[in-house]
Amino acid sequence: MAVLIIVEGSQDAHAIEKLLNDRLPEPDRVCGWYREIDNQVKPFTARAAGGYGTLLKEMPSILAAHEGSIAFVVDADSDVDRRWTSLTDRISSLEDIERIPQAPDANGTVLEPVNPRRIGVWIWPNNRDIGDLETFAATMVPPADELWRHASSTVDALGERKRFIETHENKAKLYTWLAWQNPPGQQIGAAIRGHALNSDSPLAQSLKAWLHQLKDLDT
């Protein structure tokens, strides 16, 4: 059975799909929650909940509808600890979990319910720092990329004229950089697909390894 990956928004789902399938052809079709390529169900499928509040609200039906392992991938935003507590409290109110760690694992957390399936938690960007999908994606920019340095310095130079909160500053830098790619203005998933963003970066590899760990435990 496929690992079901529940995320907040459609861009998160698209980015994760491209990370996991960056060397595969585009899927022929989507059937329910299962992504099919050449009539074979692939080991992962991503579904957008439509926001963090909706994710929490729909969690009972999500857990009831899917028998296999489930991965929840959410933004840290401005407080990693608060998001971790909020999410794991909701999970533990619905599932009989053996132990909830006090903090997320840096390599992605795997919770072990009393029943056989596992539940995974990843908090964008890296289970430690504040941020979101865009903060994660920025770590996939090639280190020597001149346009990234230019995009960063351009946003920094705005100064008081356009003051962003820290997580929005990361968004501004990433989307400025994406506006200068070819073609300009790509979404994060498309930039992964086109290899402008490096899907083999250390943090991307860590995310993929965590998801594959969930899949291996599910077999």
N, C-alpha and C. Protein backbone atom coordinates (compact mmCIF):
# COMPACT_ATOMS: atom_id res chain seq x y z
N MET A 1 0.84 -1.19 0.00
CA MET A 1 0.00 0.00 0.00
C MET A 1 0.88 1.25 0.00
N ALA A 2 0.44 2.25 -0.74
CA ALA A 2 1.21 3.48 -0.84
C ALA A 2 1.24 4.21 0.50
N VAL A 3 2.36 4.88 0.77
CA VAL A 3 2.42 5.81 1.89
C VAL A 3 1.65 7.07 1.49
N LEU A 4 0.69 7.45 2.30
CA LEU A 4 -0.10 8.65 2.04
C LEU A 4 0.59 9.84 2.72
N ILE A 5 0.90 10.85 1.95
CA ILE A 5 1.58 12.04 2.46
C ILE A 5 0.57 13.18 2.50
N ILE A 6 0.26 13.66 3.70
CA ILE A 6 -0.70 14.74 3.87
C ILE A 6 0.07 16.03 4.11
N VAL A 7 -0.18 17.04 3.29
CA VAL A 7 0.50 18.32 3.39
C VAL A 7 -0.54 19.42 3.50
N GLU A 8 -0.07 20.64 3.73
CA GLU A 8 -1.00 21.76 3.89
C GLU A 8 -1.57 22.24 2.56
N GLY A 9 -0.70 22.46 1.57
CA GLY A 9 -1.14 23.08 0.33
C GLY A 9 -0.74 22.30 -0.91
N SER A 10 -1.33 22.68 -2.03
CA SER A 10 -1.08 21.96 -3.28
C SER A 10 0.36 22.10 -3.74
N GLN A 11 0.99 23.25 -3.46
CA GLN A 11 2.38 23.41 -3.88
C GLN A 11 3.31 22.46 -3.10
N ASP A 12 3.00 22.22 -1.82
CA ASP A 12 3.76 21.25 -1.04
C ASP A 12 3.63 19.86 -1.66
N ALA A 13 2.40 19.49 -2.02
CA ALA A 13 2.17 18.17 -2.62
C ALA A 13 2.92 18.03 -3.93
N HIS A 14 2.86 19.06 -4.76
CA HIS A 14 3.53 19.03 -6.06
C HIS A 14 5.04 18.92 -5.88
N ALA A 15 5.59 19.68 -4.93
CA ALA A 15 7.04 19.63 -4.70
C ALA A 15 7.48 18.26 -4.23
N ILE A 16 6.74 17.65 -3.31
CA ILE A 16 7.12 16.33 -2.81
C ILE A 16 7.00 15.29 -3.90
N GLU A 17 5.94 15.36 -4.71
CA GLU A 17 5.81 14.42 -5.82
C GLU A 17 7.00 14.52 -6.77
N LYS A 18 7.43 15.73 -7.05
CA LYS A 18 8.55 15.90 -7.97
C LYS A 18 9.85 15.43 -7.33
N LEU A 19 10.00 15.63 -6.03
CA LEU A 19 11.19 15.12 -5.34
C LEU A 19 11.27 13.61 -5.43
N LEU A 20 10.14 12.95 -5.26
CA LEU A 20 10.13 11.49 -5.23
C LEU A 20 10.14 10.89 -6.63
N ASN A 21 9.72 11.67 -7.62
CA ASN A 21 9.63 11.15 -8.99
C ASN A 21 10.43 11.98 -9.97
N ASP A 22 11.53 12.59 -9.48
CA ASP A 22 12.24 13.55 -10.33
C ASP A 22 12.91 12.90 -11.53
N ARG A 23 13.04 11.58 -11.53
CA ARG A 23 13.65 10.90 -12.67
C ARG A 23 12.67 9.98 -13.39
N LEU A 24 11.38 10.16 -13.09
CA LEU A 24 10.34 9.36 -13.73
C LEU A 24 9.55 10.23 -14.70
N PRO A 25 8.91 9.60 -15.70
CA PRO A 25 8.05 10.37 -16.60
C PRO A 25 6.84 10.90 -15.86
N GLU A 26 6.21 11.91 -16.43
CA GLU A 26 4.99 12.43 -15.83
C GLU A 26 3.93 11.33 -15.75
N PRO A 27 3.15 11.28 -14.67
CA PRO A 27 2.14 10.26 -14.54
C PRO A 27 1.09 10.35 -15.63
N ASP A 28 0.59 9.17 -16.04
CA ASP A 28 -0.46 9.15 -17.05
C ASP A 28 -1.77 9.67 -16.48
N ARG A 29 -2.01 9.41 -15.21
CA ARG A 29 -3.28 9.81 -14.63
C ARG A 29 -3.19 9.73 -13.11
N VAL A 30 -4.16 10.31 -12.48
CA VAL A 30 -4.28 10.20 -11.03
C VAL A 30 -5.59 9.50 -10.73
N CYS A 31 -5.54 8.47 -9.91
CA CYS A 31 -6.73 7.69 -9.57
C CYS A 31 -6.94 7.78 -8.06
N GLY A 32 -7.94 8.55 -7.62
CA GLY A 32 -8.18 8.71 -6.20
C GLY A 32 -6.96 9.29 -5.51
N TRP A 33 -6.52 8.66 -4.45
CA TRP A 33 -5.34 9.11 -3.73
C TRP A 33 -4.09 8.42 -4.22
N TYR A 34 -4.21 7.58 -5.27
CA TYR A 34 -3.07 6.79 -5.73
C TYR A 34 -2.59 7.30 -7.07
N ARG A 35 -1.31 7.57 -7.16
CA ARG A 35 -0.74 8.03 -8.41
C ARG A 35 -0.29 6.82 -9.20
N GLU A 36 -0.77 6.72 -10.45
CA GLU A 36 -0.46 5.58 -11.29
C GLU A 36 0.44 6.00 -12.45
N ILE A 37 1.49 5.22 -12.71
CA ILE A 37 2.35 5.41 -13.87
C ILE A 37 2.45 4.06 -14.57
N ASP A 38 2.06 4.03 -15.84
CA ASP A 38 2.07 2.78 -16.60
C ASP A 38 1.29 1.69 -15.87
N ASN A 39 0.11 2.07 -15.34
CA ASN A 39 -0.81 1.15 -14.69
C ASN A 39 -0.28 0.53 -13.40
N GLN A 40 0.80 1.06 -12.84
CA GLN A 40 1.34 0.54 -11.59
C GLN A 40 1.19 1.60 -10.50
N VAL A 41 0.65 1.18 -9.36
CA VAL A 41 0.51 2.10 -8.24
C VAL A 41 1.89 2.37 -7.66
N LYS A 42 2.27 3.61 -7.55
CA LYS A 42 3.58 3.97 -7.03
C LYS A 42 3.55 3.97 -5.50
N PRO A 43 4.71 3.91 -4.85
CA PRO A 43 4.75 3.72 -3.40
C PRO A 43 4.36 4.94 -2.57
N PHE A 44 4.20 6.11 -3.19
CA PHE A 44 3.85 7.31 -2.43
C PHE A 44 2.77 8.09 -3.18
N THR A 45 1.94 8.76 -2.43
CA THR A 45 1.00 9.70 -3.02
C THR A 45 0.80 10.85 -2.05
N ALA A 46 0.69 12.06 -2.58
CA ALA A 46 0.57 13.25 -1.75
C ALA A 46 -0.80 13.89 -1.92
N ARG A 47 -1.35 14.36 -0.82
CA ARG A 47 -2.68 14.99 -0.83
C ARG A 47 -2.62 16.28 -0.03
N ALA A 48 -3.13 17.35 -0.60
CA ALA A 48 -3.17 18.64 0.09
C ALA A 48 -4.45 18.76 0.91
N ALA A 49 -4.30 19.12 2.17
CA ALA A 49 -5.46 19.25 3.05
C ALA A 49 -6.17 20.58 2.88
N GLY A 50 -5.44 21.58 2.40
CA GLY A 50 -6.04 22.91 2.25
C GLY A 50 -5.82 23.80 3.45
N GLY A 51 -4.64 23.65 4.08
CA GLY A 51 -4.31 24.48 5.23
C GLY A 51 -4.14 23.64 6.48
N TYR A 52 -3.39 24.20 7.45
CA TYR A 52 -3.09 23.44 8.66
C TYR A 52 -4.34 23.19 9.50
N GLY A 53 -5.20 24.19 9.64
CA GLY A 53 -6.41 24.00 10.41
C GLY A 53 -7.30 22.90 9.83
N THR A 54 -7.41 22.88 8.51
CA THR A 54 -8.21 21.85 7.85
C THR A 54 -7.58 20.48 8.03
N LEU A 55 -6.24 20.43 7.98
CA LEU A 55 -5.55 19.16 8.21
C LEU A 55 -5.90 18.58 9.57
N LEU A 56 -5.86 19.42 10.61
CA LEU A 56 -6.21 18.94 11.95
C LEU A 56 -7.67 18.49 12.01
N LYS A 57 -8.54 19.25 11.37
CA LYS A 57 -9.97 18.93 11.39
C LYS A 57 -10.26 17.62 10.68
N GLU A 58 -9.57 17.37 9.56
CA GLU A 58 -9.85 16.19 8.76
C GLU A 58 -9.04 14.97 9.19
N MET A 59 -8.16 15.13 10.17
CA MET A 59 -7.30 14.02 10.56
C MET A 59 -8.06 12.75 10.93
N PRO A 60 -9.18 12.81 11.67
CA PRO A 60 -9.89 11.56 11.97
C PRO A 60 -10.30 10.79 10.72
N SER A 61 -10.83 11.49 9.71
CA SER A 61 -11.26 10.79 8.50
C SER A 61 -10.07 10.31 7.68
N ILE A 62 -8.96 11.06 7.72
CA ILE A 62 -7.75 10.64 7.01
C ILE A 62 -7.23 9.34 7.61
N LEU A 63 -7.13 9.29 8.92
CA LEU A 63 -6.62 8.10 9.59
C LEU A 63 -7.55 6.91 9.40
N ALA A 64 -8.85 7.16 9.37
CA ALA A 64 -9.81 6.07 9.23
C ALA A 64 -9.83 5.51 7.81
N ALA A 65 -9.56 6.35 6.83
CA ALA A 65 -9.71 5.95 5.43
C ALA A 65 -8.49 5.23 4.87
N HIS A 66 -7.33 5.39 5.51
CA HIS A 66 -6.09 4.84 4.95
C HIS A 66 -5.47 3.87 5.95
N GLU A 67 -5.30 2.61 5.53
CA GLU A 67 -4.80 1.58 6.43
C GLU A 67 -3.27 1.57 6.53
N GLY A 68 -2.59 2.09 5.51
CA GLY A 68 -1.13 2.07 5.50
C GLY A 68 -0.53 3.24 6.25
N SER A 69 0.78 3.38 6.13
CA SER A 69 1.48 4.46 6.81
C SER A 69 1.09 5.82 6.24
N ILE A 70 1.10 6.82 7.12
CA ILE A 70 0.73 8.18 6.75
C ILE A 70 1.83 9.13 7.21
N ALA A 71 2.22 10.04 6.34
CA ALA A 71 3.21 11.07 6.67
C ALA A 71 2.52 12.42 6.68
N PHE A 72 2.69 13.16 7.76
CA PHE A 72 2.18 14.53 7.84
C PHE A 72 3.36 15.49 7.69
N VAL A 73 3.28 16.36 6.70
CA VAL A 73 4.34 17.33 6.43
C VAL A 73 3.73 18.73 6.53
N VAL A 74 4.20 19.51 7.51
CA VAL A 74 3.58 20.81 7.80
C VAL A 74 4.66 21.87 7.99
N ASP A 75 4.26 23.13 7.88
CA ASP A 75 5.18 24.24 8.10
C ASP A 75 5.47 24.44 9.58
N ALA A 76 6.71 24.78 9.90
CA ALA A 76 7.02 25.24 11.26
C ALA A 76 6.48 26.65 11.47
N ASP A 77 6.46 27.45 10.41
CA ASP A 77 6.14 28.87 10.51
C ASP A 77 7.09 29.52 11.52
N SER A 78 6.57 30.20 12.52
CA SER A 78 7.45 30.97 13.41
C SER A 78 7.75 30.26 14.73
N ASP A 79 7.24 29.01 14.92
CA ASP A 79 7.45 28.33 16.20
C ASP A 79 7.41 26.82 15.99
N VAL A 80 8.58 26.20 15.92
CA VAL A 80 8.67 24.76 15.68
C VAL A 80 8.04 23.98 16.82
N ASP A 81 8.36 24.35 18.06
CA ASP A 81 7.87 23.59 19.22
C ASP A 81 6.34 23.64 19.30
N ARG A 82 5.79 24.80 19.04
CA ARG A 82 4.33 24.93 19.10
C ARG A 82 3.67 24.07 18.02
N ARG A 83 4.22 24.07 16.82
CA ARG A 83 3.65 23.26 15.75
C ARG A 83 3.78 21.77 16.06
N TRP A 84 4.93 21.36 16.60
CA TRP A 84 5.15 19.96 16.96
C TRP A 84 4.12 19.52 18.01
N THR A 85 3.95 20.32 19.05
CA THR A 85 3.01 19.97 20.11
C THR A 85 1.58 19.91 19.60
N SER A 86 1.21 20.89 18.78
CA SER A 86 -0.13 20.93 18.22
C SER A 86 -0.43 19.69 17.39
N LEU A 87 0.50 19.32 16.52
CA LEU A 87 0.28 18.20 15.63
C LEU A 87 0.29 16.86 16.37
N THR A 88 1.28 16.66 17.23
CA THR A 88 1.38 15.37 17.92
C THR A 88 0.27 15.19 18.97
N ASP A 89 -0.19 16.28 19.58
CA ASP A 89 -1.33 16.17 20.48
C ASP A 89 -2.56 15.68 19.73
N ARG A 90 -2.75 16.20 18.53
CA ARG A 90 -3.90 15.78 17.72
C ARG A 90 -3.76 14.32 17.31
N ILE A 91 -2.58 13.92 16.90
CA ILE A 91 -2.37 12.52 16.50
C ILE A 91 -2.61 11.58 17.68
N SER A 92 -2.03 11.90 18.83
CA SER A 92 -2.14 11.01 19.98
C SER A 92 -3.56 10.96 20.55
N SER A 93 -4.38 11.98 20.25
CA SER A 93 -5.78 11.92 20.68
C SER A 93 -6.60 10.97 19.82
N LEU A 94 -6.06 10.60 18.67
CA LEU A 94 -6.78 9.75 17.73
C LEU A 94 -6.17 8.36 17.57
N GLU A 95 -4.88 8.23 17.85
CA GLU A 95 -4.16 6.97 17.67
C GLU A 95 -3.48 6.58 18.98
N ASP A 96 -3.39 5.29 19.22
CA ASP A 96 -2.70 4.80 20.41
C ASP A 96 -1.21 4.72 20.10
N ILE A 97 -0.46 5.76 20.46
CA ILE A 97 0.96 5.86 20.14
C ILE A 97 1.78 5.38 21.33
N GLU A 98 2.80 4.59 21.06
CA GLU A 98 3.63 4.05 22.14
C GLU A 98 4.36 5.16 22.90
N ARG A 99 4.93 6.13 22.15
CA ARG A 99 5.69 7.21 22.79
C ARG A 99 5.75 8.41 21.87
N ILE A 100 5.51 9.58 22.42
CA ILE A 100 5.65 10.83 21.66
C ILE A 100 6.93 11.52 22.13
N PRO A 101 7.93 11.67 21.27
CA PRO A 101 9.15 12.38 21.68
C PRO A 101 8.84 13.82 22.05
N GLN A 102 9.69 14.41 22.87
CA GLN A 102 9.49 15.80 23.27
C GLN A 102 9.75 16.77 22.13
N ALA A 103 10.56 16.36 21.17
CA ALA A 103 10.90 17.22 20.03
C ALA A 103 11.01 16.35 18.78
N PRO A 104 10.82 16.92 17.61
CA PRO A 104 10.93 16.14 16.39
C PRO A 104 12.36 15.67 16.13
N ASP A 105 12.48 14.52 15.50
CA ASP A 105 13.78 14.02 15.07
C ASP A 105 14.28 14.87 13.91
N ALA A 106 15.55 15.23 13.92
CA ALA A 106 16.11 16.07 12.86
C ALA A 106 15.99 15.41 11.49
N ASN A 107 15.96 14.09 11.46
CA ASN A 107 15.87 13.35 10.19
C ASN A 107 14.45 12.93 9.86
N GLY A 108 13.47 13.50 10.55
CA GLY A 108 12.08 13.12 10.35
C GLY A 108 11.65 12.12 11.42
N THR A 109 10.50 12.32 11.98
CA THR A 109 10.02 11.49 13.09
C THR A 109 9.12 10.37 12.57
N VAL A 110 9.30 9.18 13.13
CA VAL A 110 8.40 8.06 12.86
C VAL A 110 7.78 7.65 14.19
N LEU A 111 6.47 7.86 14.32
CA LEU A 111 5.73 7.45 15.51
C LEU A 111 5.24 6.03 15.31
N GLU A 112 5.19 5.28 16.37
CA GLU A 112 4.78 3.89 16.29
C GLU A 112 3.49 3.67 17.06
N PRO A 113 2.37 3.62 16.34
CA PRO A 113 1.11 3.28 17.00
C PRO A 113 1.13 1.81 17.43
N VAL A 114 0.22 1.47 18.31
CA VAL A 114 0.10 0.08 18.73
C VAL A 114 -0.29 -0.80 17.55
N ASN A 115 -1.11 -0.27 16.63
CA ASN A 115 -1.42 -1.06 15.42
C ASN A 115 -0.22 -1.03 14.48
N PRO A 116 -0.19 -1.90 13.46
CA PRO A 116 1.04 -2.08 12.67
C PRO A 116 1.50 -0.86 11.87
N ARG A 117 0.61 0.00 11.45
CA ARG A 117 1.05 1.09 10.58
C ARG A 117 1.81 2.17 11.36
N ARG A 118 2.65 2.89 10.63
CA ARG A 118 3.42 3.99 11.23
C ARG A 118 2.85 5.33 10.80
N ILE A 119 3.12 6.33 11.62
CA ILE A 119 2.76 7.71 11.29
C ILE A 119 4.03 8.54 11.36
N GLY A 120 4.31 9.27 10.29
CA GLY A 120 5.50 10.09 10.22
C GLY A 120 5.17 11.57 10.32
N VAL A 121 6.11 12.34 10.86
CA VAL A 121 5.95 13.80 10.95
C VAL A 121 7.24 14.46 10.46
N TRP A 122 7.08 15.37 9.52
CA TRP A 122 8.18 16.23 9.07
C TRP A 122 7.68 17.67 9.17
N ILE A 123 8.48 18.53 9.80
CA ILE A 123 8.11 19.93 9.93
C ILE A 123 9.06 20.76 9.07
N TRP A 124 8.50 21.35 7.99
CA TRP A 124 9.31 22.21 7.13
C TRP A 124 9.95 23.34 7.95
N PRO A 125 11.25 23.66 7.71
CA PRO A 125 12.07 23.07 6.66
C PRO A 125 12.84 21.81 7.08
N ASN A 126 13.33 21.76 8.31
CA ASN A 126 14.29 20.70 8.69
C ASN A 126 14.05 20.13 10.08
N ASN A 127 12.81 20.28 10.57
CA ASN A 127 12.43 19.76 11.89
C ASN A 127 13.11 20.47 13.06
N ARG A 128 13.78 21.55 12.78
CA ARG A 128 14.52 22.28 13.82
C ARG A 128 14.29 23.79 13.77
N ASP A 129 14.31 24.33 12.55
CA ASP A 129 14.28 25.78 12.37
C ASP A 129 12.89 26.26 11.96
N ILE A 130 12.64 27.55 12.19
CA ILE A 130 11.39 28.13 11.71
C ILE A 130 11.42 28.21 10.19
N GLY A 131 10.24 28.26 9.59
CA GLY A 131 10.19 28.35 8.14
C GLY A 131 9.09 27.51 7.54
N ASP A 132 9.25 27.20 6.27
CA ASP A 132 8.18 26.56 5.51
C ASP A 132 8.79 25.86 4.29
N LEU A 133 7.93 25.49 3.35
CA LEU A 133 8.39 24.83 2.13
C LEU A 133 9.45 25.66 1.41
N GLU A 134 9.23 26.97 1.35
CA GLU A 134 10.18 27.82 0.62
C GLU A 134 11.55 27.83 1.30
N THR A 135 11.57 27.78 2.62
CA THR A 135 12.85 27.71 3.34
C THR A 135 13.56 26.41 3.01
N PHE A 136 12.80 25.32 2.94
CA PHE A 136 13.35 24.02 2.52
C PHE A 136 13.89 24.11 1.10
N ALA A 137 13.09 24.67 0.19
CA ALA A 137 13.49 24.73 -1.22
C ALA A 137 14.76 25.55 -1.40
N ALA A 138 14.95 26.59 -0.59
CA ALA A 138 16.15 27.41 -0.72
C ALA A 138 17.42 26.61 -0.47
N THR A 139 17.33 25.55 0.34
CA THR A 139 18.51 24.71 0.58
C THR A 139 18.85 23.85 -0.64
N MET A 140 17.97 23.81 -1.62
CA MET A 140 18.20 23.03 -2.84
C MET A 140 18.81 23.87 -3.95
N VAL A 141 18.97 25.17 -3.71
CA VAL A 141 19.64 26.02 -4.70
C VAL A 141 21.13 25.65 -4.72
N PRO A 142 21.71 25.43 -5.89
CA PRO A 142 23.14 25.10 -5.95
C PRO A 142 23.99 26.13 -5.20
N PRO A 143 24.94 25.70 -4.37
CA PRO A 143 25.69 26.62 -3.50
C PRO A 143 26.40 27.75 -4.23
N ALA A 144 26.87 27.49 -5.44
CA ALA A 144 27.63 28.51 -6.16
C ALA A 144 26.77 29.35 -7.10
N ASP A 145 25.46 29.27 -6.97
CA ASP A 145 24.57 29.96 -7.90
C ASP A 145 24.67 31.48 -7.73
N GLU A 146 25.13 32.16 -8.77
CA GLU A 146 25.31 33.61 -8.72
C GLU A 146 23.97 34.34 -8.61
N LEU A 147 22.94 33.83 -9.29
CA LEU A 147 21.64 34.48 -9.23
C LEU A 147 21.05 34.43 -7.83
N TRP A 148 21.33 33.36 -7.09
CA TRP A 148 20.82 33.28 -5.72
C TRP A 148 21.45 34.36 -4.85
N ARG A 149 22.76 34.56 -5.00
CA ARG A 149 23.42 35.61 -4.22
C ARG A 149 22.85 36.98 -4.60
N HIS A 150 22.57 37.15 -5.89
CA HIS A 150 22.01 38.43 -6.34
C HIS A 150 20.58 38.61 -5.82
N ALA A 151 19.78 37.54 -5.86
CA ALA A 151 18.41 37.63 -5.35
C ALA A 151 18.40 37.93 -3.85
N SER A 152 19.28 37.29 -3.11
CA SER A 152 19.35 37.51 -1.66
C SER A 152 19.75 38.95 -1.35
N SER A 153 20.78 39.43 -2.05
CA SER A 153 21.24 40.80 -1.79
C SER A 153 20.20 41.83 -2.23
N THR A 154 19.43 41.51 -3.29
CA THR A 154 18.39 42.42 -3.76
C THR A 154 17.30 42.58 -2.70
N VAL A 155 16.87 41.45 -2.12
CA VAL A 155 15.84 41.51 -1.07
C VAL A 155 16.40 42.20 0.17
N ASP A 156 17.64 41.87 0.54
CA ASP A 156 18.25 42.51 1.71
C ASP A 156 18.34 44.03 1.53
N ALA A 157 18.61 44.46 0.30
CA ALA A 157 18.79 45.89 0.03
C ALA A 157 17.50 46.68 0.15
N LEU A 158 16.35 45.98 0.17
CA LEU A 158 15.08 46.69 0.33
C LEU A 158 15.01 47.38 1.69
N GLY A 159 15.63 46.76 2.70
CA GLY A 159 15.71 47.37 4.02
C GLY A 159 14.36 47.78 4.56
N GLU A 160 14.31 49.00 5.08
CA GLU A 160 13.10 49.50 5.71
C GLU A 160 11.97 49.73 4.71
N ARG A 161 12.31 49.81 3.42
CA ARG A 161 11.27 50.06 2.43
C ARG A 161 10.29 48.89 2.34
N LYS A 162 10.78 47.69 2.64
CA LYS A 162 9.92 46.51 2.57
C LYS A 162 10.42 45.52 3.61
N ARG A 163 9.95 45.68 4.83
CA ARG A 163 10.41 44.81 5.91
C ARG A 163 9.52 43.56 5.96
N PHE A 164 10.16 42.39 5.84
CA PHE A 164 9.44 41.12 5.93
C PHE A 164 9.71 40.47 7.29
N ILE A 165 8.74 39.68 7.77
CA ILE A 165 9.08 38.79 8.87
C ILE A 165 10.03 37.74 8.32
N GLU A 166 10.75 37.06 9.20
CA GLU A 166 11.85 36.20 8.74
C GLU A 166 11.40 35.16 7.74
N THR A 167 10.29 34.46 8.01
CA THR A 167 9.86 33.42 7.08
C THR A 167 9.42 34.00 5.74
N HIS A 168 8.85 35.20 5.74
CA HIS A 168 8.45 35.82 4.49
C HIS A 168 9.67 36.35 3.72
N GLU A 169 10.72 36.68 4.44
CA GLU A 169 11.95 37.09 3.76
C GLU A 169 12.50 35.93 2.94
N ASN A 170 12.44 34.72 3.50
CA ASN A 170 12.89 33.54 2.76
C ASN A 170 12.05 33.35 1.50
N LYS A 171 10.74 33.54 1.63
CA LYS A 171 9.86 33.42 0.47
C LYS A 171 10.24 34.45 -0.60
N ALA A 172 10.48 35.68 -0.17
CA ALA A 172 10.80 36.74 -1.12
C ALA A 172 12.07 36.42 -1.90
N LYS A 173 13.07 35.90 -1.20
CA LYS A 173 14.33 35.57 -1.87
C LYS A 173 14.14 34.42 -2.85
N LEU A 174 13.40 33.39 -2.43
CA LEU A 174 13.22 32.24 -3.31
C LEU A 174 12.44 32.62 -4.57
N TYR A 175 11.34 33.36 -4.39
CA TYR A 175 10.52 33.68 -5.55
C TYR A 175 11.17 34.73 -6.45
N THR A 176 12.03 35.57 -5.87
CA THR A 176 12.83 36.45 -6.73
C THR A 176 13.77 35.63 -7.59
N TRP A 177 14.41 34.65 -6.98
CA TRP A 177 15.33 33.76 -7.71
C TRP A 177 14.57 32.97 -8.77
N LEU A 178 13.39 32.44 -8.43
CA LEU A 178 12.61 31.67 -9.41
C LEU A 178 12.15 32.55 -10.57
N ALA A 179 11.94 33.84 -10.31
CA ALA A 179 11.53 34.75 -11.39
C ALA A 179 12.63 34.93 -12.42
N TRP A 180 13.86 34.62 -12.05
CA TRP A 180 14.99 34.80 -12.95
C TRP A 180 15.45 33.49 -13.59
N GLN A 181 14.68 32.43 -13.39
CA GLN A 181 15.03 31.16 -14.02
C GLN A 181 14.45 31.11 -15.44
N ASN A 182 14.78 30.06 -16.14
CA ASN A 182 14.29 29.88 -17.51
C ASN A 182 13.52 28.56 -17.60
N PRO A 183 12.17 28.63 -17.72
CA PRO A 183 11.35 29.83 -17.85
C PRO A 183 11.18 30.53 -16.50
N PRO A 184 10.88 31.82 -16.53
CA PRO A 184 10.74 32.58 -15.28
C PRO A 184 9.45 32.25 -14.55
N GLY A 185 9.51 32.40 -13.23
CA GLY A 185 8.29 32.26 -12.43
C GLY A 185 7.81 30.84 -12.23
N GLN A 186 8.70 29.87 -12.28
CA GLN A 186 8.30 28.49 -12.08
C GLN A 186 7.83 28.27 -10.64
N GLN A 187 6.94 27.30 -10.46
CA GLN A 187 6.61 26.82 -9.14
C GLN A 187 7.75 25.93 -8.65
N ILE A 188 7.76 25.65 -7.35
CA ILE A 188 8.87 24.88 -6.77
C ILE A 188 8.95 23.49 -7.38
N GLY A 189 7.81 22.83 -7.54
CA GLY A 189 7.82 21.49 -8.14
C GLY A 189 8.40 21.49 -9.54
N ALA A 190 8.03 22.48 -10.35
CA ALA A 190 8.56 22.57 -11.71
C ALA A 190 10.06 22.83 -11.70
N ALA A 191 10.54 23.63 -10.74
CA ALA A 191 11.97 23.89 -10.64
C ALA A 191 12.74 22.64 -10.23
N ILE A 192 12.11 21.79 -9.43
CA ILE A 192 12.73 20.50 -9.10
C ILE A 192 12.76 19.62 -10.34
N ARG A 193 11.63 19.57 -11.03
CA ARG A 193 11.52 18.75 -12.23
C ARG A 193 12.55 19.16 -13.29
N GLY A 194 12.75 20.46 -13.43
CA GLY A 194 13.70 20.95 -14.42
C GLY A 194 15.13 21.04 -13.93
N HIS A 195 15.36 20.61 -12.68
CA HIS A 195 16.70 20.54 -12.07
C HIS A 195 17.33 21.90 -11.79
N ALA A 196 16.50 22.96 -11.79
CA ALA A 196 17.02 24.23 -11.28
C ALA A 196 17.27 24.11 -9.78
N LEU A 197 16.39 23.37 -9.10
CA LEU A 197 16.58 23.02 -7.70
C LEU A 197 17.12 21.60 -7.63
N ASN A 198 18.11 21.40 -6.79
CA ASN A 198 18.84 20.13 -6.74
C ASN A 198 18.15 19.14 -5.80
N SER A 199 17.52 18.12 -6.36
CA SER A 199 16.82 17.13 -5.54
C SER A 199 17.77 16.20 -4.81
N ASP A 200 19.06 16.30 -5.06
CA ASP A 200 20.06 15.50 -4.35
C ASP A 200 20.77 16.29 -3.27
N SER A 201 20.27 17.48 -2.92
CA SER A 201 20.87 18.25 -1.84
C SER A 201 20.71 17.48 -0.53
N PRO A 202 21.55 17.74 0.47
CA PRO A 202 21.50 16.95 1.71
C PRO A 202 20.13 16.93 2.38
N LEU A 203 19.45 18.08 2.48
CA LEU A 203 18.16 18.10 3.16
C LEU A 203 17.09 17.37 2.35
N ALA A 204 17.13 17.52 1.03
CA ALA A 204 16.19 16.78 0.18
C ALA A 204 16.42 15.28 0.31
N GLN A 205 17.67 14.87 0.37
CA GLN A 205 17.98 13.45 0.55
C GLN A 205 17.45 12.95 1.88
N SER A 206 17.55 13.78 2.92
CA SER A 206 17.07 13.40 4.25
C SER A 206 15.55 13.20 4.23
N LEU A 207 14.83 14.11 3.57
CA LEU A 207 13.38 13.98 3.47
C LEU A 207 13.00 12.70 2.74
N LYS A 208 13.67 12.44 1.63
CA LYS A 208 13.34 11.24 0.85
C LYS A 208 13.68 9.98 1.64
N ALA A 209 14.79 9.98 2.36
CA ALA A 209 15.16 8.82 3.16
C ALA A 209 14.12 8.54 4.24
N TRP A 210 13.60 9.61 4.86
CA TRP A 210 12.56 9.45 5.88
C TRP A 210 11.29 8.84 5.28
N LEU A 211 10.89 9.30 4.11
CA LEU A 211 9.70 8.75 3.48
C LEU A 211 9.91 7.29 3.09
N HIS A 212 11.09 6.97 2.60
CA HIS A 212 11.37 5.57 2.24
C HIS A 212 11.43 4.69 3.49
N GLN A 213 11.88 5.26 4.60
CA GLN A 213 11.86 4.50 5.85
C GLN A 213 10.42 4.14 6.23
N LEU A 214 9.51 5.09 6.10
CA LEU A 214 8.10 4.80 6.36
C LEU A 214 7.59 3.70 5.45
N LYS A 215 7.96 3.76 4.17
CA LYS A 215 7.52 2.74 3.23
C LYS A 215 8.09 1.38 3.60
N ASP A 216 9.37 1.33 3.96
CA ASP A 216 9.99 0.04 4.30
C ASP A 216 9.36 -0.56 5.55
N LEU A 217 9.00 0.28 6.53
CA LEU A 217 8.37 -0.22 7.74
C LEU A 217 6.95 -0.70 7.49
N ASP A 218 6.36 -0.24 6.40
CA ASP A 218 4.98 -0.58 6.08
C ASP A 218 4.87 -1.92 5.37
N THR A 219 6.02 -2.49 4.95
CA THR A 219 5.99 -3.73 4.17
C THR A 219 6.18 -4.94 5.05
